[in-house]
Amino acid sequence: MIVSISRELGAGGGTLGEALSRTLDAALLDERWFIEQLTARFQYSSDYLERTLEQPPKFGESLIATLARATAMVPGASGLQMPDEQIIDAVRTLVLERAQQEHVVEIGHGGVSLLGWRPTNIPVLSILLQAGREWRTESACLARWAKRR
């Protein structure tokens, strides 16, 4: 089973994910786990992943990639992938492989849209965690303060 948690920044996705993984005796697939796996298995730079993981692609990058794929004038453009798309494919592979071995709680990384609506033979519970702006702001400030200590 895959429990996929999408969340707003500061809404408590990490806390919920940790609690669910303990309760369900499931593997926790959070940002630290993904960085470790992507670095070891796919040789991505951990510095690059820390800067880009969970960041939406910049408009200009998306536009250029879309235009390049759409034009018949660029040889091989139909197979062109942005580095972010390669990371998304790698993350999808990691989640599905791990979910075939045991239950997983996956935090972020596009949530259920990363997996497709229903992976074959793997039940998925998708959670969207939202919170009010004041709660999220306070939560983010506390998290930042705790990192400094």
N, C-alpha and C. Protein backbone atom coordinates (compact mmCIF):
# COMPACT_ATOMS: atom_id res chain seq x y z
N MET A 1 0.84 -1.17 0.00
CA MET A 1 0.00 0.00 0.00
C MET A 1 0.89 1.24 0.00
N ILE A 2 0.42 2.26 -0.71
CA ILE A 2 1.11 3.55 -0.72
C ILE A 2 0.18 4.58 -0.09
N VAL A 3 0.66 5.26 0.94
CA VAL A 3 -0.02 6.43 1.46
C VAL A 3 0.77 7.62 0.94
N SER A 4 0.13 8.42 0.11
CA SER A 4 0.79 9.55 -0.54
C SER A 4 0.26 10.84 0.08
N ILE A 5 1.17 11.60 0.70
CA ILE A 5 0.78 12.84 1.36
C ILE A 5 1.27 14.03 0.56
N SER A 6 0.32 14.79 0.03
CA SER A 6 0.62 16.09 -0.57
C SER A 6 0.28 17.12 0.49
N ARG A 7 1.06 18.19 0.56
CA ARG A 7 0.81 19.15 1.62
C ARG A 7 1.27 20.53 1.23
N GLU A 8 0.69 21.51 1.91
CA GLU A 8 1.18 22.88 1.81
C GLU A 8 2.37 23.01 2.76
N LEU A 9 3.29 23.90 2.43
CA LEU A 9 4.43 24.16 3.29
C LEU A 9 3.94 24.58 4.66
N GLY A 10 4.42 23.89 5.70
CA GLY A 10 4.06 24.24 7.06
C GLY A 10 2.77 23.63 7.56
N ALA A 11 2.13 22.77 6.75
CA ALA A 11 0.86 22.18 7.15
C ALA A 11 1.02 20.94 8.02
N GLY A 12 2.24 20.47 8.20
CA GLY A 12 2.47 19.32 9.07
C GLY A 12 2.59 17.99 8.36
N GLY A 13 2.93 18.01 7.09
CA GLY A 13 3.05 16.76 6.32
C GLY A 13 4.11 15.83 6.87
N GLY A 14 5.23 16.38 7.30
CA GLY A 14 6.30 15.54 7.85
C GLY A 14 5.88 14.87 9.14
N THR A 15 5.22 15.62 10.00
CA THR A 15 4.75 15.08 11.28
C THR A 15 3.72 13.98 11.04
N LEU A 16 2.76 14.24 10.15
CA LEU A 16 1.74 13.24 9.84
C LEU A 16 2.38 12.01 9.19
N GLY A 17 3.30 12.22 8.27
CA GLY A 17 3.96 11.10 7.60
C GLY A 17 4.72 10.21 8.57
N GLU A 18 5.45 10.82 9.49
CA GLU A 18 6.19 10.04 10.49
C GLU A 18 5.25 9.24 11.37
N ALA A 19 4.15 9.86 11.82
CA ALA A 19 3.18 9.17 12.66
C ALA A 19 2.52 8.00 11.92
N LEU A 20 2.14 8.24 10.66
CA LEU A 20 1.52 7.17 9.88
C LEU A 20 2.49 6.02 9.61
N SER A 21 3.73 6.34 9.32
CA SER A 21 4.69 5.26 9.03
C SER A 21 4.93 4.40 10.27
N ARG A 22 4.97 5.03 11.44
CA ARG A 22 5.11 4.25 12.68
C ARG A 22 3.87 3.39 12.92
N THR A 23 2.69 3.99 12.79
CA THR A 23 1.44 3.29 13.06
C THR A 23 1.22 2.13 12.10
N LEU A 24 1.51 2.34 10.83
CA LEU A 24 1.30 1.31 9.81
C LEU A 24 2.49 0.38 9.64
N ASP A 25 3.58 0.65 10.38
CA ASP A 25 4.83 -0.09 10.21
C ASP A 25 5.25 -0.07 8.73
N ALA A 26 5.25 1.15 8.18
CA ALA A 26 5.55 1.35 6.76
C ALA A 26 6.85 2.16 6.61
N ALA A 27 7.49 2.00 5.48
CA ALA A 27 8.70 2.78 5.18
C ALA A 27 8.31 4.24 4.94
N LEU A 28 9.08 5.16 5.49
CA LEU A 28 8.84 6.59 5.29
C LEU A 28 9.73 7.07 4.15
N LEU A 29 9.11 7.54 3.08
CA LEU A 29 9.85 8.06 1.93
C LEU A 29 9.69 9.57 1.94
N ASP A 30 10.63 10.23 2.59
CA ASP A 30 10.60 11.69 2.68
C ASP A 30 11.76 12.27 1.88
N GLU A 31 11.93 13.57 1.96
CA GLU A 31 12.95 14.23 1.15
C GLU A 31 14.36 13.67 1.42
N ARG A 32 14.68 13.43 2.69
CA ARG A 32 16.01 12.87 3.02
C ARG A 32 16.22 11.52 2.35
N TRP A 33 15.19 10.66 2.39
CA TRP A 33 15.29 9.33 1.79
C TRP A 33 15.48 9.45 0.28
N PHE A 34 14.68 10.33 -0.35
CA PHE A 34 14.79 10.50 -1.80
C PHE A 34 16.16 11.01 -2.21
N ILE A 35 16.69 11.99 -1.48
CA ILE A 35 18.03 12.51 -1.81
C ILE A 35 19.07 11.41 -1.69
N GLU A 36 19.00 10.63 -0.63
CA GLU A 36 19.96 9.52 -0.43
C GLU A 36 19.87 8.51 -1.57
N GLN A 37 18.65 8.11 -1.93
CA GLN A 37 18.46 7.10 -2.97
C GLN A 37 18.83 7.62 -4.36
N LEU A 38 18.43 8.84 -4.69
CA LEU A 38 18.74 9.41 -6.00
C LEU A 38 20.23 9.63 -6.18
N THR A 39 20.90 9.98 -5.10
CA THR A 39 22.35 10.18 -5.15
C THR A 39 23.06 8.85 -5.34
N ALA A 40 22.69 7.85 -4.55
CA ALA A 40 23.36 6.56 -4.60
C ALA A 40 23.06 5.79 -5.88
N ARG A 41 21.80 5.75 -6.27
CA ARG A 41 21.40 4.89 -7.38
C ARG A 41 21.51 5.54 -8.75
N PHE A 42 21.19 6.84 -8.83
CA PHE A 42 21.16 7.50 -10.12
C PHE A 42 22.28 8.53 -10.29
N GLN A 43 23.16 8.64 -9.30
CA GLN A 43 24.32 9.54 -9.33
C GLN A 43 23.97 11.01 -9.50
N TYR A 44 22.81 11.43 -8.98
CA TYR A 44 22.51 12.86 -8.95
C TYR A 44 23.31 13.50 -7.83
N SER A 45 23.70 14.74 -8.02
CA SER A 45 24.42 15.48 -6.98
C SER A 45 23.46 15.80 -5.84
N SER A 46 23.86 15.51 -4.61
CA SER A 46 22.98 15.81 -3.47
C SER A 46 22.76 17.31 -3.34
N ASP A 47 23.76 18.13 -3.68
CA ASP A 47 23.57 19.59 -3.64
C ASP A 47 22.50 20.02 -4.64
N TYR A 48 22.55 19.46 -5.84
CA TYR A 48 21.55 19.78 -6.87
C TYR A 48 20.16 19.36 -6.40
N LEU A 49 20.05 18.17 -5.85
CA LEU A 49 18.75 17.68 -5.39
C LEU A 49 18.19 18.53 -4.26
N GLU A 50 19.04 18.94 -3.34
CA GLU A 50 18.58 19.77 -2.22
C GLU A 50 18.04 21.11 -2.72
N ARG A 51 18.63 21.63 -3.80
CA ARG A 51 18.16 22.91 -4.37
C ARG A 51 16.90 22.75 -5.20
N THR A 52 16.73 21.61 -5.86
CA THR A 52 15.66 21.49 -6.85
C THR A 52 14.53 20.55 -6.49
N LEU A 53 14.75 19.60 -5.61
CA LEU A 53 13.70 18.64 -5.28
C LEU A 53 12.50 19.38 -4.71
N GLU A 54 11.33 19.07 -5.22
CA GLU A 54 10.06 19.68 -4.80
C GLU A 54 9.91 21.13 -5.25
N GLN A 55 10.77 21.61 -6.12
CA GLN A 55 10.62 22.95 -6.68
C GLN A 55 9.98 22.83 -8.05
N PRO A 56 8.95 23.64 -8.31
CA PRO A 56 8.36 23.57 -9.66
C PRO A 56 9.35 24.09 -10.69
N PRO A 57 9.29 23.56 -11.93
CA PRO A 57 10.21 24.05 -12.96
C PRO A 57 9.94 25.52 -13.27
N LYS A 58 11.00 26.23 -13.60
CA LYS A 58 10.85 27.64 -13.97
C LYS A 58 10.09 27.73 -15.29
N PHE A 59 9.31 28.80 -15.45
CA PHE A 59 8.48 28.96 -16.63
C PHE A 59 9.30 28.88 -17.91
N GLY A 60 10.44 29.58 -17.94
CA GLY A 60 11.27 29.60 -19.15
C GLY A 60 11.77 28.22 -19.51
N GLU A 61 12.19 27.43 -18.51
CA GLU A 61 12.67 26.08 -18.77
C GLU A 61 11.56 25.21 -19.34
N SER A 62 10.37 25.30 -18.75
CA SER A 62 9.23 24.52 -19.25
C SER A 62 8.86 24.93 -20.67
N LEU A 63 8.86 26.22 -20.92
CA LEU A 63 8.49 26.72 -22.25
C LEU A 63 9.48 26.23 -23.30
N ILE A 64 10.76 26.34 -23.04
CA ILE A 64 11.78 25.90 -23.99
C ILE A 64 11.67 24.40 -24.25
N ALA A 65 11.48 23.61 -23.20
CA ALA A 65 11.35 22.16 -23.37
C ALA A 65 10.11 21.81 -24.18
N THR A 66 9.00 22.49 -23.90
CA THR A 66 7.76 22.24 -24.62
C THR A 66 7.91 22.61 -26.09
N LEU A 67 8.50 23.75 -26.37
CA LEU A 67 8.71 24.17 -27.75
C LEU A 67 9.64 23.22 -28.49
N ALA A 68 10.69 22.78 -27.82
CA ALA A 68 11.64 21.87 -28.46
C ALA A 68 10.97 20.54 -28.80
N ARG A 69 10.11 20.04 -27.90
CA ARG A 69 9.42 18.78 -28.17
C ARG A 69 8.38 18.94 -29.27
N ALA A 70 7.79 20.13 -29.36
CA ALA A 70 6.70 20.36 -30.31
C ALA A 70 7.19 20.58 -31.74
N THR A 71 8.43 20.96 -31.92
CA THR A 71 8.90 21.29 -33.25
C THR A 71 9.52 20.07 -33.93
N ALA A 72 9.23 19.93 -35.21
CA ALA A 72 9.81 18.84 -35.99
C ALA A 72 11.20 19.21 -36.50
N MET A 73 11.60 20.46 -36.26
CA MET A 73 12.87 20.94 -36.79
C MET A 73 14.07 20.55 -35.92
N VAL A 74 13.81 20.10 -34.71
CA VAL A 74 14.90 19.73 -33.80
C VAL A 74 15.02 18.21 -33.80
N PRO A 75 16.12 17.68 -34.35
CA PRO A 75 16.28 16.22 -34.38
C PRO A 75 16.26 15.64 -32.97
N GLY A 76 15.48 14.59 -32.78
CA GLY A 76 15.43 13.91 -31.49
C GLY A 76 14.66 14.64 -30.40
N ALA A 77 13.99 15.73 -30.76
CA ALA A 77 13.30 16.54 -29.75
C ALA A 77 12.16 15.79 -29.08
N SER A 78 11.55 14.82 -29.74
CA SER A 78 10.42 14.12 -29.14
C SER A 78 10.84 13.35 -27.90
N GLY A 79 12.10 12.97 -27.80
CA GLY A 79 12.59 12.24 -26.63
C GLY A 79 13.26 13.14 -25.60
N LEU A 80 13.25 14.45 -25.84
CA LEU A 80 13.90 15.39 -24.94
C LEU A 80 13.23 15.42 -23.59
N GLN A 81 14.02 15.32 -22.54
CA GLN A 81 13.51 15.43 -21.18
C GLN A 81 14.33 16.47 -20.44
N MET A 82 13.65 17.30 -19.66
CA MET A 82 14.33 18.22 -18.77
C MET A 82 14.89 17.40 -17.62
N PRO A 83 15.97 17.87 -16.98
CA PRO A 83 16.51 17.13 -15.83
C PRO A 83 15.44 16.86 -14.77
N ASP A 84 14.52 17.80 -14.57
CA ASP A 84 13.47 17.60 -13.57
C ASP A 84 12.58 16.42 -13.94
N GLU A 85 12.30 16.24 -15.22
CA GLU A 85 11.48 15.11 -15.65
C GLU A 85 12.20 13.79 -15.39
N GLN A 86 13.51 13.79 -15.56
CA GLN A 86 14.29 12.59 -15.27
C GLN A 86 14.23 12.26 -13.79
N ILE A 87 14.28 13.29 -12.96
CA ILE A 87 14.19 13.08 -11.51
C ILE A 87 12.80 12.54 -11.15
N ILE A 88 11.76 13.10 -11.75
CA ILE A 88 10.40 12.63 -11.48
C ILE A 88 10.27 11.16 -11.85
N ASP A 89 10.81 10.77 -13.00
CA ASP A 89 10.77 9.37 -13.41
C ASP A 89 11.52 8.49 -12.42
N ALA A 90 12.67 8.96 -11.94
CA ALA A 90 13.47 8.20 -10.98
C ALA A 90 12.73 8.07 -9.65
N VAL A 91 12.11 9.15 -9.19
CA VAL A 91 11.33 9.11 -7.94
C VAL A 91 10.18 8.13 -8.07
N ARG A 92 9.46 8.18 -9.19
CA ARG A 92 8.35 7.25 -9.43
C ARG A 92 8.85 5.80 -9.35
N THR A 93 9.97 5.53 -9.99
CA THR A 93 10.54 4.19 -9.97
C THR A 93 10.85 3.75 -8.54
N LEU A 94 11.49 4.63 -7.77
CA LEU A 94 11.85 4.30 -6.39
C LEU A 94 10.61 4.00 -5.54
N VAL A 95 9.58 4.82 -5.67
CA VAL A 95 8.36 4.63 -4.87
C VAL A 95 7.70 3.31 -5.22
N LEU A 96 7.52 3.05 -6.52
CA LEU A 96 6.84 1.83 -6.93
C LEU A 96 7.63 0.58 -6.56
N GLU A 97 8.94 0.62 -6.72
CA GLU A 97 9.76 -0.54 -6.33
C GLU A 97 9.65 -0.82 -4.84
N ARG A 98 9.73 0.23 -4.04
CA ARG A 98 9.65 0.04 -2.58
C ARG A 98 8.26 -0.44 -2.17
N ALA A 99 7.21 0.08 -2.83
CA ALA A 99 5.83 -0.29 -2.50
C ALA A 99 5.53 -1.75 -2.87
N GLN A 100 6.28 -2.31 -3.80
CA GLN A 100 6.11 -3.72 -4.13
C GLN A 100 6.70 -4.62 -3.06
N GLN A 101 7.59 -4.06 -2.22
CA GLN A 101 8.23 -4.83 -1.15
C GLN A 101 7.52 -4.69 0.19
N GLU A 102 6.97 -3.49 0.45
CA GLU A 102 6.34 -3.21 1.75
C GLU A 102 5.45 -1.98 1.63
N HIS A 103 4.66 -1.72 2.68
CA HIS A 103 3.84 -0.51 2.71
C HIS A 103 4.76 0.70 2.81
N VAL A 104 4.37 1.80 2.15
CA VAL A 104 5.16 3.03 2.19
C VAL A 104 4.27 4.23 2.46
N VAL A 105 4.86 5.22 3.13
CA VAL A 105 4.26 6.54 3.29
C VAL A 105 5.18 7.49 2.54
N GLU A 106 4.67 8.09 1.48
CA GLU A 106 5.45 8.97 0.62
C GLU A 106 4.97 10.39 0.84
N ILE A 107 5.92 11.28 1.15
CA ILE A 107 5.58 12.68 1.42
C ILE A 107 6.02 13.55 0.26
N GLY A 108 5.05 14.28 -0.30
CA GLY A 108 5.36 15.25 -1.35
C GLY A 108 5.67 14.63 -2.69
N HIS A 109 6.51 15.32 -3.46
CA HIS A 109 6.97 14.87 -4.77
C HIS A 109 5.84 14.63 -5.76
N GLY A 110 4.84 15.49 -5.71
CA GLY A 110 3.75 15.40 -6.66
C GLY A 110 2.61 14.51 -6.21
N GLY A 111 2.76 13.87 -5.05
CA GLY A 111 1.68 13.05 -4.53
C GLY A 111 1.23 11.98 -5.50
N VAL A 112 -0.06 11.75 -5.52
CA VAL A 112 -0.62 10.68 -6.33
C VAL A 112 -0.44 10.96 -7.83
N SER A 113 -0.31 12.22 -8.23
CA SER A 113 -0.11 12.52 -9.66
C SER A 113 1.24 11.97 -10.13
N LEU A 114 2.19 11.85 -9.22
CA LEU A 114 3.48 11.25 -9.56
C LEU A 114 3.30 9.80 -9.98
N LEU A 115 2.40 9.10 -9.33
CA LEU A 115 2.26 7.66 -9.53
C LEU A 115 1.31 7.30 -10.65
N GLY A 116 0.56 8.23 -11.15
CA GLY A 116 -0.57 7.90 -12.00
C GLY A 116 -1.72 7.64 -11.05
N TRP A 117 -2.91 7.56 -11.52
CA TRP A 117 -4.03 7.46 -10.59
C TRP A 117 -4.02 6.16 -9.82
N ARG A 118 -3.69 5.07 -10.42
CA ARG A 118 -3.68 3.79 -9.71
C ARG A 118 -2.58 2.90 -10.27
N PRO A 119 -1.48 2.75 -9.55
CA PRO A 119 -0.47 1.79 -10.00
C PRO A 119 -1.07 0.38 -9.98
N THR A 120 -0.63 -0.46 -10.87
CA THR A 120 -1.15 -1.82 -10.96
C THR A 120 -0.90 -2.59 -9.67
N ASN A 121 -1.95 -3.15 -9.12
CA ASN A 121 -1.89 -4.05 -7.96
C ASN A 121 -1.35 -3.42 -6.68
N ILE A 122 -1.32 -2.10 -6.59
CA ILE A 122 -0.87 -1.44 -5.35
C ILE A 122 -1.95 -0.44 -4.93
N PRO A 123 -2.61 -0.70 -3.79
CA PRO A 123 -3.61 0.27 -3.32
C PRO A 123 -2.95 1.58 -2.91
N VAL A 124 -3.63 2.69 -3.21
CA VAL A 124 -3.09 4.02 -2.90
C VAL A 124 -4.11 4.81 -2.10
N LEU A 125 -3.67 5.39 -0.99
CA LEU A 125 -4.47 6.34 -0.24
C LEU A 125 -3.78 7.69 -0.41
N SER A 126 -4.51 8.64 -0.98
CA SER A 126 -3.95 9.96 -1.25
C SER A 126 -4.52 10.96 -0.24
N ILE A 127 -3.62 11.69 0.42
CA ILE A 127 -4.00 12.69 1.42
C ILE A 127 -3.49 14.05 0.96
N LEU A 128 -4.37 15.04 0.97
CA LEU A 128 -3.98 16.42 0.72
C LEU A 128 -4.12 17.17 2.04
N LEU A 129 -3.00 17.61 2.56
CA LEU A 129 -2.98 18.26 3.87
C LEU A 129 -2.87 19.76 3.68
N GLN A 130 -3.87 20.47 4.19
CA GLN A 130 -3.89 21.92 4.09
C GLN A 130 -4.05 22.50 5.49
N ALA A 131 -3.63 23.75 5.65
CA ALA A 131 -3.78 24.45 6.93
C ALA A 131 -3.91 25.93 6.64
N GLY A 132 -4.44 26.65 7.60
CA GLY A 132 -4.59 28.10 7.45
C GLY A 132 -3.23 28.78 7.37
N ARG A 133 -3.24 29.95 6.80
CA ARG A 133 -1.99 30.70 6.58
C ARG A 133 -1.26 30.98 7.89
N GLU A 134 -1.99 31.39 8.91
CA GLU A 134 -1.37 31.69 10.20
C GLU A 134 -0.68 30.46 10.79
N TRP A 135 -1.35 29.32 10.74
CA TRP A 135 -0.79 28.06 11.24
C TRP A 135 0.49 27.70 10.48
N ARG A 136 0.43 27.78 9.14
CA ARG A 136 1.58 27.41 8.32
C ARG A 136 2.76 28.35 8.54
N THR A 137 2.48 29.65 8.70
CA THR A 137 3.55 30.62 8.94
C THR A 137 4.23 30.33 10.27
N GLU A 138 3.44 30.13 11.29
CA GLU A 138 4.00 29.83 12.61
C GLU A 138 4.79 28.52 12.59
N SER A 139 4.24 27.52 11.93
CA SER A 139 4.89 26.22 11.83
C SER A 139 6.23 26.32 11.10
N ALA A 140 6.25 27.07 9.99
CA ALA A 140 7.49 27.24 9.22
C ALA A 140 8.53 28.01 10.02
N CYS A 141 8.11 29.02 10.76
CA CYS A 141 9.04 29.79 11.60
C CYS A 141 9.63 28.93 12.70
N LEU A 142 8.80 28.11 13.34
CA LEU A 142 9.28 27.21 14.39
C LEU A 142 10.27 26.19 13.85
N ALA A 143 9.98 25.65 12.67
CA ALA A 143 10.87 24.68 12.05
C ALA A 143 12.22 25.32 11.73
N ARG A 144 12.20 26.50 11.21
CA ARG A 144 13.45 27.21 10.89
C ARG A 144 14.25 27.50 12.15
N TRP A 145 13.55 27.92 13.20
CA TRP A 145 14.20 28.21 14.49
C TRP A 145 14.84 26.94 15.05
N ALA A 146 14.13 25.81 14.95
CA ALA A 146 14.65 24.55 15.48
C ALA A 146 15.90 24.10 14.73
N LYS A 147 15.98 24.37 13.42
CA LYS A 147 17.17 24.00 12.64
C LYS A 147 18.40 24.78 13.10
N ARG A 148 18.21 26.00 13.53
CA ARG A 148 19.33 26.85 13.95
C ARG A 148 19.89 26.41 15.29
N ARG A 149 19.10 25.75 16.10
CA ARG A 149 19.52 25.37 17.44
C ARG A 149 20.33 24.14 17.40
